[in-house]
């Protein structure tokens, strides 16, 4: 279920709002989005932390 929700969010917020000029451009933008999603996007469910911050606090 999580993968499906994540993919739906990605396609809705990212793919439908961008135009890509090449495969390289698409790859770069996907990499940027993944970085944002894991390192900058704050999650209320994760006590206001990003996914990386939340994961690192339990190590």
Protein backbone atom coordinates (compact mmCIF):
# COMPACT_ATOMS: atom_id res chain seq x y z
CA UNK A 1 0.00 0.00 0.00
CA UNK A 2 2.80 2.43 0.88
CA UNK A 3 4.48 1.96 -2.51
CA UNK A 4 1.22 2.65 -4.33
CA UNK A 5 0.55 5.80 -2.29
CA UNK A 6 4.11 7.00 -2.84
CA UNK A 7 3.87 6.39 -6.59
CA UNK A 8 0.49 8.15 -6.82
CA UNK A 9 1.88 11.18 -5.00
CA UNK A 10 4.93 11.20 -7.24
CA UNK A 11 2.94 11.00 -10.46
CA UNK A 12 0.39 13.57 -9.36
CA UNK A 13 2.78 16.19 -7.99
CA UNK A 14 5.76 15.60 -10.22
CA UNK A 15 5.14 13.98 -13.57
CA UNK A 16 1.94 15.85 -14.40
CA UNK A 17 3.49 19.22 -13.64
CA UNK A 18 6.78 18.92 -15.57
CA UNK A 19 7.88 18.79 -19.18
CA UNK A 20 11.07 16.92 -19.92
CA UNK A 21 13.33 17.71 -22.84
CA UNK A 22 15.31 14.45 -22.73
CA UNK A 23 15.74 11.22 -20.82
CA UNK A 24 18.72 12.77 -19.03
CA UNK A 25 16.54 15.68 -17.95
CA UNK A 26 13.89 13.26 -16.66
CA UNK A 27 16.49 11.25 -14.72
CA UNK A 28 17.98 14.39 -13.15
CA UNK A 29 14.57 15.67 -12.09
CA UNK A 30 13.60 12.30 -10.62
CA UNK A 31 16.85 12.23 -8.63
CA UNK A 32 16.17 15.76 -7.38
CA UNK A 33 12.64 14.80 -6.37
CA UNK A 34 13.81 11.70 -4.50
CA UNK A 35 16.35 13.80 -2.61
CA UNK A 36 13.67 16.34 -1.72
CA UNK A 37 11.21 13.62 -0.70
CA UNK A 38 13.67 11.99 1.67
CA UNK A 39 15.73 14.93 2.96
CA UNK A 40 13.64 18.11 2.89
CA UNK A 41 9.96 17.13 3.07
CA UNK A 42 8.76 17.41 6.67
CA UNK A 43 6.26 14.80 7.81
CA UNK A 44 3.80 15.47 10.61
CA UNK A 45 3.52 11.70 11.18
CA UNK A 46 7.27 11.61 11.79
CA UNK A 47 7.09 14.25 14.56
CA UNK A 48 7.93 17.10 12.18
CA UNK A 49 11.08 15.45 10.87
CA UNK A 50 12.11 14.47 7.38
CA UNK A 51 12.23 10.72 6.66
CA UNK A 52 16.06 10.73 6.85
CA UNK A 53 16.07 12.64 10.14
CA UNK A 54 13.51 10.27 11.61
CA UNK A 55 15.46 7.20 10.51
CA UNK A 56 18.75 8.60 11.83
CA UNK A 57 17.39 9.45 15.26
CA UNK A 58 16.69 5.79 15.96
CA UNK A 59 20.22 4.65 15.06
